[in-house]
């Protein structure tokens, strides 16, 4: 009997147990084998989600957390295919996979779906504080390295997995450079034994700024002597260091907070293309030039940046006018020769005081643009009964973007985070914002007894949430008897670095990167924590 005839016969039956048994008994052994084969090959399940339009599927899955999303890929082959489709996954993983900034260790031979899974795990870890690894630098001297007990008060710098700091060694300032992954360390000392007051670091360059107004520039991946850049006198410096360029603005201090325009010199230092062909005993050859621009000094902040291609300079000026309760952001786009290519100002009327901001370069679809996150806070309440010295605040966030190719500067979004009324204003002064995520520590405890606990918070500007970090750090009790004002955060999406007056701790958000000397106990505790997390969500 043909399978189609069997189907027609079933359609004519009122489906009851006795009818099915009667039909079964009427069949020969060959017909029973054919019926079993037909039933076995038929899928009677109906997947409601898989039959929806792709646009609706994408909206539904965006309500899940990333680790839950990638758990769903195990439901069936259909769901695995859906959650591997670019139309569904990429909107959820933005802005991470759309940029070239995320430099993760991707094992060779992986499929595109496995690579997306790695990016999803990374984004989930960074947005929740669930780091993969932890390293704490020891305070005791090791291999000649001296790590100062009060490192937070010394100069330090970070770039792409490299950490540099200044330490006083034998009566002279010494710069230590450590690769966080390998643990390799190098030391640098100014030839004139000058006192170093600041350092800045990039992938290839290290700059030490000294009290004698000399700037020492090392190509730190070589053993060449430094290039010495001399300036007339020490003043307020605004600078940016890229792969092969150093930009320095020298602003004369304004004794009053009154707003006034002044002309400031901008010094550009750029490695020559042929510098690596020089004899190794010579400093790196560079092209040095200078031009002037007009800036607004007074109650203003100044930042300067270089694009990834090192062809353009972007100057960002933020000015607060207290009387009008306005915050103006001015962008000035310059060529390396000082020619003005674009200038525009935007007002952010809700902001009063700028607490922190991040400026990032994102290449996307062959266009170069800068994303700017401006974080502001206002004092809104003070309760003396609770011994709150700082009062409470509300946090405002403005997301701006400047497109270098189209020369467009605009505000993408403005938000106020109402949950921040529960945070002390002092905790917002040391904040690390990165791609719409911000890390900071909230001190809590008995202010009268001056004993504090620090809880690490993760703020998501896009989702307008602020939660306690899930496992990036255990709670620390302030044994010093006072509020530690030297707590700093910096890094990128791979490494989060915390410096206090007594500690230096590094957390890693790259699953396949192992730091030299990292805490194995931390990794095991994280694995157990993640297992409990998955069981609780099941």
Protein backbone atom coordinates (compact mmCIF):
# COMPACT_ATOMS: atom_id res chain seq x y z
CA UNK A 1 0.00 0.00 0.00
CA UNK A 2 1.33 3.46 -0.92
CA UNK A 3 1.99 5.95 1.93
CA UNK A 4 -0.45 8.41 0.32
CA UNK A 5 -3.26 5.80 0.50
CA UNK A 6 -2.50 5.24 4.19
CA UNK A 7 -2.76 8.99 4.79
CA UNK A 8 -6.11 9.18 2.98
CA UNK A 9 -7.39 6.25 5.02
CA UNK A 10 -6.40 8.01 8.27
CA UNK A 11 -8.10 11.23 7.11
CA UNK A 12 -11.42 9.37 6.69
CA UNK A 13 -11.26 7.87 10.19
CA UNK A 14 -12.54 9.42 13.38
CA UNK A 15 -9.34 9.11 15.36
CA UNK A 16 -10.16 6.75 18.20
CA UNK A 17 -8.10 4.09 19.86
CA UNK A 18 -10.26 1.21 18.61
CA UNK A 19 -10.12 2.45 15.01
CA UNK A 20 -6.34 2.73 15.13
CA UNK A 21 -6.03 -0.77 16.61
CA UNK A 22 -8.43 -2.20 13.99
CA UNK A 23 -6.40 -0.61 11.22
CA UNK A 24 -3.17 -1.89 12.70
CA UNK A 25 -4.50 -5.48 12.93
CA UNK A 26 -5.65 -5.36 9.32
CA UNK A 27 -2.20 -4.58 8.00
CA UNK A 28 0.34 -7.14 6.90
CA UNK A 29 3.84 -7.20 8.36
CA UNK A 30 5.21 -5.47 5.27
CA UNK A 31 2.59 -2.71 5.55
CA UNK A 32 3.40 -2.26 9.27
CA UNK A 33 7.10 -1.84 8.45
CA UNK A 34 6.21 0.77 5.80
CA UNK A 35 3.97 2.63 8.27
CA UNK A 36 6.70 2.68 10.94
CA UNK A 37 9.18 4.04 8.39
CA UNK A 38 6.72 6.77 7.38
CA UNK A 39 6.03 7.83 10.98
CA UNK A 40 9.71 7.84 11.84
CA UNK A 41 10.54 10.20 8.96
CA UNK A 42 7.72 12.63 9.75
CA UNK A 43 8.39 15.65 12.03
CA UNK A 44 5.19 16.36 13.97
CA UNK A 45 6.66 19.32 15.90
CA UNK A 46 5.75 22.91 15.04
CA UNK A 47 8.24 25.68 15.92
CA UNK A 48 6.29 28.90 16.35
CA UNK A 49 9.39 31.12 16.61
CA UNK A 50 11.13 29.66 13.57
CA UNK A 51 8.07 30.38 11.42
CA UNK A 52 7.95 34.07 12.29
CA UNK A 53 9.43 36.79 10.03
CA UNK A 54 13.13 37.44 10.64
CA UNK A 55 12.40 41.01 11.80
CA UNK A 56 10.09 39.75 14.58
CA UNK A 57 12.58 37.04 15.59
CA UNK A 58 15.29 39.68 15.97
CA UNK A 59 13.04 41.83 18.18
CA UNK A 60 12.10 38.87 20.39
CA UNK A 61 15.67 37.73 20.97
CA UNK A 62 16.84 41.25 21.84
CA UNK A 63 14.94 40.94 25.13
CA UNK A 64 17.31 38.15 26.24
CA UNK A 65 20.71 38.58 27.82
CA UNK A 66 23.60 37.52 25.64
CA UNK A 67 24.44 34.35 27.55
CA UNK A 68 20.73 33.33 27.39
CA UNK A 69 20.68 34.11 23.69
CA UNK A 70 23.51 31.73 22.97
CA UNK A 71 21.96 29.08 25.21
CA UNK A 72 19.00 29.19 22.82
CA UNK A 73 21.25 28.07 19.99
CA UNK A 74 21.21 24.61 21.59
CA UNK A 75 17.42 24.21 21.30
CA UNK A 76 17.38 22.89 17.74
CA UNK A 77 19.15 23.10 14.40
CA UNK A 78 16.58 25.65 13.26
CA UNK A 79 17.34 27.93 16.20
CA UNK A 80 21.06 27.45 15.68
CA UNK A 81 20.61 28.60 12.10
CA UNK A 82 18.43 31.56 13.13
CA UNK A 83 20.83 32.74 15.82
CA UNK A 84 23.73 32.46 13.42
CA UNK A 85 22.07 34.67 10.81
CA UNK A 86 23.64 38.11 10.42
CA UNK A 87 20.19 39.77 10.41
CA UNK A 88 19.50 38.48 13.93
CA UNK A 89 22.92 38.44 15.62
CA UNK A 90 24.65 41.60 14.40
CA UNK A 91 22.04 44.09 15.71
CA UNK A 92 22.42 42.47 19.13
CA UNK A 93 26.23 42.55 19.11
CA UNK A 94 26.51 46.19 18.00
CA UNK A 95 28.71 48.16 18.32
CA UNK A 96 31.34 45.53 19.05
CA UNK A 97 31.56 43.50 15.84
CA UNK A 98 30.93 46.50 13.56
CA UNK A 99 34.26 48.07 14.47
CA UNK A 100 37.89 47.15 14.12
CA UNK A 101 38.58 48.21 17.70
CA UNK A 102 37.79 44.86 19.31
CA UNK A 103 41.07 42.94 19.22
CA UNK A 104 40.22 39.50 20.62
CA UNK A 105 42.24 36.30 20.36
CA UNK A 106 40.30 34.22 17.82
CA UNK A 107 41.55 30.60 17.45
CA UNK A 108 42.23 29.52 13.89
CA UNK A 109 39.86 27.27 11.97
CA UNK A 110 36.63 28.44 13.63
CA UNK A 111 33.40 28.86 11.71
CA UNK A 112 31.72 32.26 11.44
CA UNK A 113 29.06 31.15 13.95
CA UNK A 114 31.72 30.13 16.48
CA UNK A 115 33.43 33.49 16.06
CA UNK A 116 30.13 35.27 16.69
CA UNK A 117 29.76 33.17 19.82
CA UNK A 118 33.17 34.41 21.06
CA UNK A 119 32.16 38.03 20.46
CA UNK A 120 28.88 37.45 22.29
CA UNK A 121 30.64 35.94 25.31
CA UNK A 122 33.06 38.87 25.32
CA UNK A 123 30.30 41.48 25.14
CA UNK A 124 28.32 39.74 27.89
CA UNK A 125 31.41 39.60 30.12
CA UNK A 126 32.25 43.29 29.61
CA UNK A 127 28.69 44.53 30.09
CA UNK A 128 28.17 42.59 33.31
CA UNK A 129 31.62 42.69 34.92
CA UNK A 130 32.09 38.94 34.55
CA UNK A 131 35.80 38.93 33.63
CA UNK A 132 37.61 35.78 32.45
CA UNK A 133 40.89 36.43 34.27
CA UNK A 134 42.42 38.49 37.06
CA UNK A 135 45.97 39.58 37.88
CA UNK A 136 47.22 41.52 40.91
CA UNK A 137 50.68 42.99 40.72
CA UNK A 138 52.80 42.12 43.79
CA UNK A 139 54.19 44.91 45.92
CA UNK A 140 57.50 43.22 46.68
CA UNK A 141 60.50 43.89 44.40
CA UNK A 142 60.75 41.27 41.68
CA UNK A 143 63.56 40.93 39.15
CA UNK A 144 64.73 44.42 40.00
CA UNK A 145 61.26 45.94 39.45
CA UNK A 146 60.02 48.32 42.12
CA UNK A 147 56.28 48.78 42.31
CA UNK A 148 55.56 51.84 44.50
CA UNK A 149 53.11 51.37 47.32
CA UNK A 150 51.32 54.61 46.36
CA UNK A 151 51.22 53.95 42.60
CA UNK A 152 48.00 55.93 42.17
CA UNK A 153 49.92 59.12 42.95
CA UNK A 154 52.61 58.34 40.35
CA UNK A 155 52.23 58.83 36.59
CA UNK A 156 50.94 55.83 34.65
CA UNK A 157 49.67 55.09 31.14
CA UNK A 158 47.99 52.27 29.22
CA UNK A 159 47.65 51.29 25.56
CA UNK A 160 46.66 48.02 23.85
CA UNK A 161 47.70 45.61 26.61
CA UNK A 162 50.76 47.63 27.68
CA UNK A 163 50.96 49.27 31.11
CA UNK A 164 53.58 51.87 32.04
CA UNK A 165 54.25 53.64 35.32
CA UNK A 166 56.88 55.87 36.90
CA UNK A 167 58.79 54.82 40.01
CA UNK A 168 61.55 56.47 41.95
CA UNK A 169 64.65 54.23 41.70
CA UNK A 170 67.99 55.19 43.22
CA UNK A 171 66.99 58.84 43.45
CA UNK A 172 65.97 59.01 39.76
CA UNK A 173 62.64 58.61 37.99
CA UNK A 174 62.39 55.33 36.07
CA UNK A 175 59.62 54.25 33.68
CA UNK A 176 58.54 50.60 33.81
CA UNK A 177 56.70 49.13 30.81
CA UNK A 178 54.91 45.80 31.23
CA UNK A 179 53.14 43.64 28.61
CA UNK A 180 50.10 42.31 30.48
CA UNK A 181 49.85 39.13 28.40
CA UNK A 182 53.47 37.98 28.42
CA UNK A 183 54.65 39.68 31.61
CA UNK A 184 57.75 41.04 29.83
CA UNK A 185 59.07 44.28 31.31
CA UNK A 186 61.30 47.06 30.00
CA UNK A 187 62.71 50.12 31.76
CA UNK A 188 63.37 53.62 30.43
CA UNK A 189 65.19 56.54 32.05
CA UNK A 190 65.61 60.11 30.75
CA UNK A 191 69.28 60.74 29.85
CA UNK A 192 69.35 63.96 31.87
CA UNK A 193 67.72 62.29 34.91
CA UNK A 194 64.89 64.83 34.77
CA UNK A 195 61.90 64.60 37.07
CA UNK A 196 58.95 63.05 35.21
CA UNK A 197 55.51 64.49 35.89
CA UNK A 198 53.50 62.67 33.23
CA UNK A 199 53.79 59.88 30.64
CA UNK A 200 51.71 58.79 27.65
CA UNK A 201 51.84 55.50 25.76
CA UNK A 202 50.81 54.03 22.38
CA UNK A 203 51.46 50.80 20.48
CA UNK A 204 54.93 51.92 19.41
CA UNK A 205 55.77 55.15 21.27
CA UNK A 206 56.38 56.21 24.87
CA UNK A 207 56.57 59.89 25.85
CA UNK A 208 57.87 61.22 29.17
CA UNK A 209 57.07 64.83 30.10
CA UNK A 210 59.54 66.40 32.52
CA UNK A 211 59.65 69.44 34.77
CA UNK A 212 62.48 70.88 32.65
CA UNK A 213 60.05 71.26 29.69
CA UNK A 214 61.82 68.46 27.81
CA UNK A 215 59.81 65.65 26.21
CA UNK A 216 61.55 62.30 25.71
CA UNK A 217 60.03 60.14 22.95
CA UNK A 218 61.04 56.47 22.76
CA UNK A 219 60.16 53.93 20.07
CA UNK A 220 59.73 51.42 22.89
CA UNK A 221 59.82 48.31 20.70
CA UNK A 222 63.43 49.14 19.85
CA UNK A 223 66.46 49.95 22.02
CA UNK A 224 67.08 53.33 20.37
CA UNK A 225 67.84 56.39 22.49
CA UNK A 226 64.91 58.82 22.84
CA UNK A 227 64.10 61.76 20.62
CA UNK A 228 64.29 64.95 22.74
CA UNK A 229 61.62 67.58 22.05
CA UNK A 230 62.36 70.88 23.77
CA UNK A 231 59.69 73.47 24.53
CA UNK A 232 60.07 77.01 25.93
CA UNK A 233 58.46 76.48 29.34
CA UNK A 234 56.14 74.22 31.26
CA UNK A 235 52.43 75.05 31.07
CA UNK A 236 49.12 73.26 30.80
CA UNK A 237 49.54 70.52 28.20
CA UNK A 238 46.87 68.85 26.09
CA UNK A 239 48.26 65.94 24.12
CA UNK A 240 47.51 62.80 22.16
CA UNK A 241 49.83 59.96 21.19
CA UNK A 242 49.00 57.61 18.32
CA UNK A 243 50.96 54.85 16.60
CA UNK A 244 53.53 57.20 15.06
CA UNK A 245 52.41 60.73 15.96
CA UNK A 246 52.52 62.98 19.02
CA UNK A 247 50.30 66.09 19.21
CA UNK A 248 50.97 68.68 21.91
CA UNK A 249 48.94 71.81 22.71
CA UNK A 250 50.50 74.28 25.15
CA UNK A 251 47.83 76.33 26.92
CA UNK A 252 48.78 79.25 29.16
CA UNK A 253 46.96 79.02 32.51
CA UNK A 254 43.99 81.34 33.01
CA UNK A 255 44.00 82.78 36.53
CA UNK A 256 40.25 83.38 36.45
CA UNK A 257 37.30 81.28 35.36
CA UNK A 258 36.17 84.03 32.97
CA UNK A 259 35.84 82.76 29.42
CA UNK A 260 38.35 84.28 27.01
CA UNK A 261 39.83 83.35 23.63
CA UNK A 262 43.56 82.81 23.28
CA UNK A 263 45.89 81.64 20.54
CA UNK A 264 47.78 78.49 21.50
CA UNK A 265 50.64 76.71 19.72
CA UNK A 266 50.09 73.14 18.49
CA UNK A 267 53.23 71.04 18.02
CA UNK A 268 53.01 67.98 15.76
CA UNK A 269 55.66 65.25 15.90
CA UNK A 270 55.46 62.42 13.37
CA UNK A 271 57.84 59.53 12.66
CA UNK A 272 59.44 59.50 9.24
CA UNK A 273 58.57 56.52 7.06
CA UNK A 274 62.27 55.55 6.89
CA UNK A 275 63.00 55.78 10.63
CA UNK A 276 63.46 52.00 11.04
CA UNK A 277 66.31 52.06 8.49
CA UNK A 278 68.41 54.32 10.72
CA UNK A 279 71.42 53.05 12.67
CA UNK A 280 70.18 51.58 15.97
CA UNK A 281 72.28 53.97 18.07
CA UNK A 282 70.38 57.00 16.70
CA UNK A 283 67.07 58.40 18.01
CA UNK A 284 64.04 57.87 15.75
CA UNK A 285 63.83 60.46 13.00
CA UNK A 286 60.67 62.55 12.94
CA UNK A 287 59.06 65.55 11.27
CA UNK A 288 58.27 68.35 13.74
CA UNK A 289 56.01 71.27 12.82
CA UNK A 290 54.01 73.92 14.63
CA UNK A 291 50.91 76.04 14.03
CA UNK A 292 48.43 77.99 16.18
CA UNK A 293 44.69 77.75 16.80
CA UNK A 294 42.21 79.87 18.78
CA UNK A 295 40.63 78.21 21.79
CA UNK A 296 38.29 79.30 24.58
CA UNK A 297 40.00 79.23 27.98
CA UNK A 298 38.45 79.57 31.39
CA UNK A 299 35.95 77.03 32.68
CA UNK A 300 36.75 74.71 29.76
CA UNK A 301 38.15 71.26 29.09
CA UNK A 302 40.34 70.53 26.07
CA UNK A 303 41.10 67.26 24.27
CA UNK A 304 42.94 66.52 21.06
CA UNK A 305 42.87 63.32 19.00
CA UNK A 306 44.37 61.83 15.86
CA UNK A 307 42.42 59.61 13.48
CA UNK A 308 43.48 56.02 12.85
CA UNK A 309 45.02 56.89 9.49
CA UNK A 310 47.07 59.66 11.18
CA UNK A 311 46.05 62.24 8.62
CA UNK A 312 43.69 64.42 10.65
CA UNK A 313 43.59 66.13 14.05
CA UNK A 314 40.34 66.57 15.97
CA UNK A 315 40.22 69.13 18.78
CA UNK A 316 37.29 68.89 21.22
CA UNK A 317 36.47 71.75 23.55
CA UNK A 318 33.83 71.52 26.28
CA UNK A 319 32.77 74.73 28.01
CA UNK A 320 30.40 75.08 30.95
CA UNK A 321 28.49 78.34 31.41
CA UNK A 322 27.21 78.13 34.96
CA UNK A 323 24.93 81.14 34.74
CA UNK A 324 23.03 79.71 31.76
CA UNK A 325 23.38 76.07 32.90
CA UNK A 326 24.59 75.11 29.45
CA UNK A 327 27.40 72.87 28.30
CA UNK A 328 28.80 73.64 24.85
CA UNK A 329 30.87 71.15 22.84
CA UNK A 330 32.99 72.50 20.00
CA UNK A 331 34.74 70.29 17.45
CA UNK A 332 37.58 71.58 15.30
CA UNK A 333 38.84 69.33 12.48
CA UNK A 334 42.38 70.14 11.29
CA UNK A 335 44.91 68.77 8.87
CA UNK A 336 48.40 67.96 10.13
CA UNK A 337 49.54 71.22 8.59
CA UNK A 338 47.04 73.22 10.68
CA UNK A 339 44.42 73.91 7.98
CA UNK A 340 40.87 74.11 9.38
CA UNK A 341 38.64 71.58 7.61
CA UNK A 342 35.51 71.81 9.77
CA UNK A 343 34.26 73.62 12.88
CA UNK A 344 30.95 73.41 14.72
CA UNK A 345 29.51 73.78 18.24
CA UNK A 346 26.61 71.97 19.90
CA UNK A 347 24.79 72.81 23.14
CA UNK A 348 23.86 70.27 25.81
CA UNK A 349 21.53 72.33 27.95
CA UNK A 350 20.80 69.73 30.64
CA UNK A 351 24.44 69.38 31.76
CA UNK A 352 26.14 71.36 34.50
CA UNK A 353 29.44 69.64 35.38
CA UNK A 354 31.38 67.25 33.18
CA UNK A 355 32.46 64.26 35.25
CA UNK A 356 34.11 62.14 32.55
CA UNK A 357 34.03 61.43 28.85
CA UNK A 358 35.39 58.93 26.36
CA UNK A 359 36.45 59.67 22.80
CA UNK A 360 36.81 56.72 20.46
CA UNK A 361 37.68 56.17 16.83
CA UNK A 362 35.43 53.64 15.06
CA UNK A 363 35.99 52.63 11.43
CA UNK A 364 32.63 51.47 10.06
CA UNK A 365 31.76 50.76 6.44
CA UNK A 366 34.95 52.50 5.27
CA UNK A 367 33.99 55.69 7.13
CA UNK A 368 35.89 57.16 10.06
CA UNK A 369 34.03 58.77 12.92
CA UNK A 370 34.56 59.69 16.56
CA UNK A 371 32.03 58.69 19.19
CA UNK A 372 31.91 60.97 22.21
CA UNK A 373 30.24 60.00 25.49
CA UNK A 374 29.80 62.96 27.82
CA UNK A 375 28.88 62.05 31.40
CA UNK A 376 27.56 64.85 33.64
CA UNK A 377 26.23 64.96 37.16
CA UNK A 378 24.19 67.38 39.26
CA UNK A 379 23.94 67.64 43.04
CA UNK A 380 20.26 67.06 43.83
CA UNK A 381 19.94 66.11 47.50
CA UNK A 382 21.80 66.08 50.80
CA UNK A 383 20.64 64.25 53.89
CA UNK A 384 22.70 65.12 57.02
CA UNK A 385 20.86 62.48 59.02
CA UNK A 386 22.52 59.79 56.88
CA UNK A 387 26.01 61.32 57.29
CA UNK A 388 26.23 61.67 53.52
CA UNK A 389 29.09 64.07 52.84
CA UNK A 390 28.64 64.18 49.09
CA UNK A 391 24.88 64.10 48.68
CA UNK A 392 23.04 62.33 45.87
CA UNK A 393 23.05 63.10 42.18
CA UNK A 394 21.44 62.39 38.88
CA UNK A 395 23.59 61.36 35.94
CA UNK A 396 23.17 62.72 32.45
CA UNK A 397 24.63 61.09 29.35
CA UNK A 398 25.04 62.66 25.92
CA UNK A 399 26.20 60.58 22.96
CA UNK A 400 27.69 62.61 20.10
CA UNK A 401 29.32 61.59 16.85
CA UNK A 402 31.61 63.37 14.43
CA UNK A 403 32.03 61.84 10.96
CA UNK A 404 35.41 62.85 9.56
CA UNK A 405 34.57 61.89 5.99
CA UNK A 406 31.16 63.61 5.78
CA UNK A 407 32.16 66.37 8.23
CA UNK A 408 28.98 66.05 10.28
CA UNK A 409 28.85 66.65 14.05
CA UNK A 410 25.58 65.72 15.74
CA UNK A 411 23.99 64.54 18.96
CA UNK A 412 22.79 60.95 18.71
CA UNK A 413 21.14 60.61 22.08
CA UNK A 414 20.56 62.34 25.42
CA UNK A 415 19.55 60.51 28.56
CA UNK A 416 19.23 60.91 32.32
CA UNK A 417 19.74 57.85 34.47
CA UNK A 418 17.20 58.07 37.28
CA UNK A 419 18.71 55.13 39.18
CA UNK A 420 21.80 57.21 39.90
CA UNK A 421 19.93 58.99 42.69
CA UNK A 422 21.19 56.13 44.86
CA UNK A 423 24.87 56.85 44.12
CA UNK A 424 27.19 59.17 45.97
CA UNK A 425 28.46 62.03 43.82
CA UNK A 426 32.03 61.32 44.91
CA UNK A 427 31.84 57.89 43.29
CA UNK A 428 31.26 59.43 39.87
CA UNK A 429 34.57 61.31 39.88
CA UNK A 430 36.57 58.18 39.01
CA UNK A 431 34.63 56.64 36.15
CA UNK A 432 35.84 54.67 33.13
CA UNK A 433 33.44 54.97 30.15
CA UNK A 434 34.00 52.81 27.08
CA UNK A 435 31.62 52.29 24.13
CA UNK A 436 28.48 53.03 26.09
CA UNK A 437 29.56 51.06 29.20
CA UNK A 438 31.05 52.70 32.31
CA UNK A 439 32.77 51.21 35.33
CA UNK A 440 33.04 53.02 38.67
CA UNK A 441 33.15 52.17 42.35
CA UNK A 442 30.52 53.28 44.83
CA UNK A 443 31.74 53.76 48.41
CA UNK A 444 29.27 52.84 51.13
CA UNK A 445 29.52 52.39 54.87
CA UNK A 446 29.68 54.38 58.07
CA UNK A 447 30.86 57.87 57.14
CA UNK A 448 31.03 58.86 60.79
CA UNK A 449 33.44 56.01 61.56
CA UNK A 450 35.20 56.49 58.18
CA UNK A 451 34.93 52.82 57.27
CA UNK A 452 33.91 51.98 53.74
CA UNK A 453 33.11 49.14 51.39
CA UNK A 454 33.56 49.63 47.65
CA UNK A 455 31.10 48.04 45.25
CA UNK A 456 31.97 47.99 41.58
CA UNK A 457 29.11 49.20 39.37
CA UNK A 458 28.54 48.78 35.63
CA UNK A 459 26.50 51.47 33.91
CA UNK A 460 24.97 50.76 30.48
CA UNK A 461 24.18 54.06 28.79
CA UNK A 462 22.18 52.52 25.96
CA UNK A 463 19.99 50.35 28.20
CA UNK A 464 19.86 53.04 30.93
CA UNK A 465 20.78 50.55 33.64
CA UNK A 466 23.26 50.53 36.48
CA UNK A 467 23.97 47.23 38.25
CA UNK A 468 26.61 45.77 40.52
CA UNK A 469 29.37 43.97 38.65
CA UNK A 470 28.65 40.25 38.73
CA UNK A 471 32.08 38.88 39.42
CA UNK A 472 34.80 41.25 38.34
CA UNK A 473 35.96 41.87 41.92
CA UNK A 474 35.08 40.85 45.45
CA UNK A 475 33.97 43.58 47.82
CA UNK A 476 36.88 45.35 49.47
CA UNK A 477 36.78 46.78 52.96
CA UNK A 478 38.49 50.12 53.48
CA UNK A 479 40.99 49.39 56.20
CA UNK A 480 42.82 52.71 55.81
CA UNK A 481 40.18 54.47 57.90
CA UNK A 482 39.42 57.09 55.26
CA UNK A 483 37.85 57.40 51.84
CA UNK A 484 40.45 56.40 49.24
CA UNK A 485 40.36 59.23 46.68
CA UNK A 486 43.14 57.67 44.61
CA UNK A 487 40.99 54.91 43.08
CA UNK A 488 41.31 55.08 39.30
CA UNK A 489 39.95 53.01 36.41
CA UNK A 490 41.21 52.87 32.82
CA UNK A 491 41.81 50.33 30.03
CA UNK A 492 39.76 49.19 27.05
CA UNK A 493 37.32 46.39 26.18
CA UNK A 494 39.99 43.71 26.78
CA UNK A 495 41.64 44.91 30.02
CA UNK A 496 40.12 46.81 32.93
CA UNK A 497 42.79 48.23 35.25
CA UNK A 498 42.18 49.52 38.77
CA UNK A 499 44.79 51.49 40.67
CA UNK A 500 44.41 52.50 44.31
CA UNK A 501 46.89 53.88 46.80
CA UNK A 502 47.83 50.28 47.70
CA UNK A 503 46.86 47.98 44.78
CA UNK A 504 47.07 47.44 41.05
CA UNK A 505 44.56 44.89 39.72
CA UNK A 506 43.94 43.91 36.09
CA UNK A 507 40.88 42.03 34.81
CA UNK A 508 40.79 40.42 31.36
CA UNK A 509 37.64 40.13 29.22
CA UNK A 510 39.22 38.03 26.44
CA UNK A 511 38.37 34.35 26.92
CA UNK A 512 41.37 33.08 24.94
CA UNK A 513 44.00 35.44 26.40
CA UNK A 514 46.00 34.36 29.45
CA UNK A 515 47.86 36.99 31.44
CA UNK A 516 51.24 36.20 32.91
CA UNK A 517 50.82 35.46 36.61
CA UNK A 518 47.03 35.52 36.53
CA UNK A 519 45.05 34.15 39.47
CA UNK A 520 44.06 30.51 38.80
CA UNK A 521 41.75 30.49 41.81
CA UNK A 522 39.82 33.38 40.27
CA UNK A 523 39.29 31.40 37.03
CA UNK A 524 37.96 28.40 38.96
CA UNK A 525 35.63 30.56 41.04
CA UNK A 526 34.39 32.21 37.87
CA UNK A 527 33.67 28.82 36.30
CA UNK A 528 31.59 27.81 39.34
CA UNK A 529 29.84 31.18 39.33
CA UNK A 530 28.97 30.81 35.65
CA UNK A 531 27.60 27.30 36.21
CA UNK A 532 25.32 28.57 38.98
CA UNK A 533 24.24 31.45 36.76
CA UNK A 534 23.22 29.10 33.95
CA UNK A 535 21.38 26.79 36.36
CA UNK A 536 19.44 29.70 37.88
CA UNK A 537 18.32 30.87 34.44
CA UNK A 538 17.27 27.39 33.29
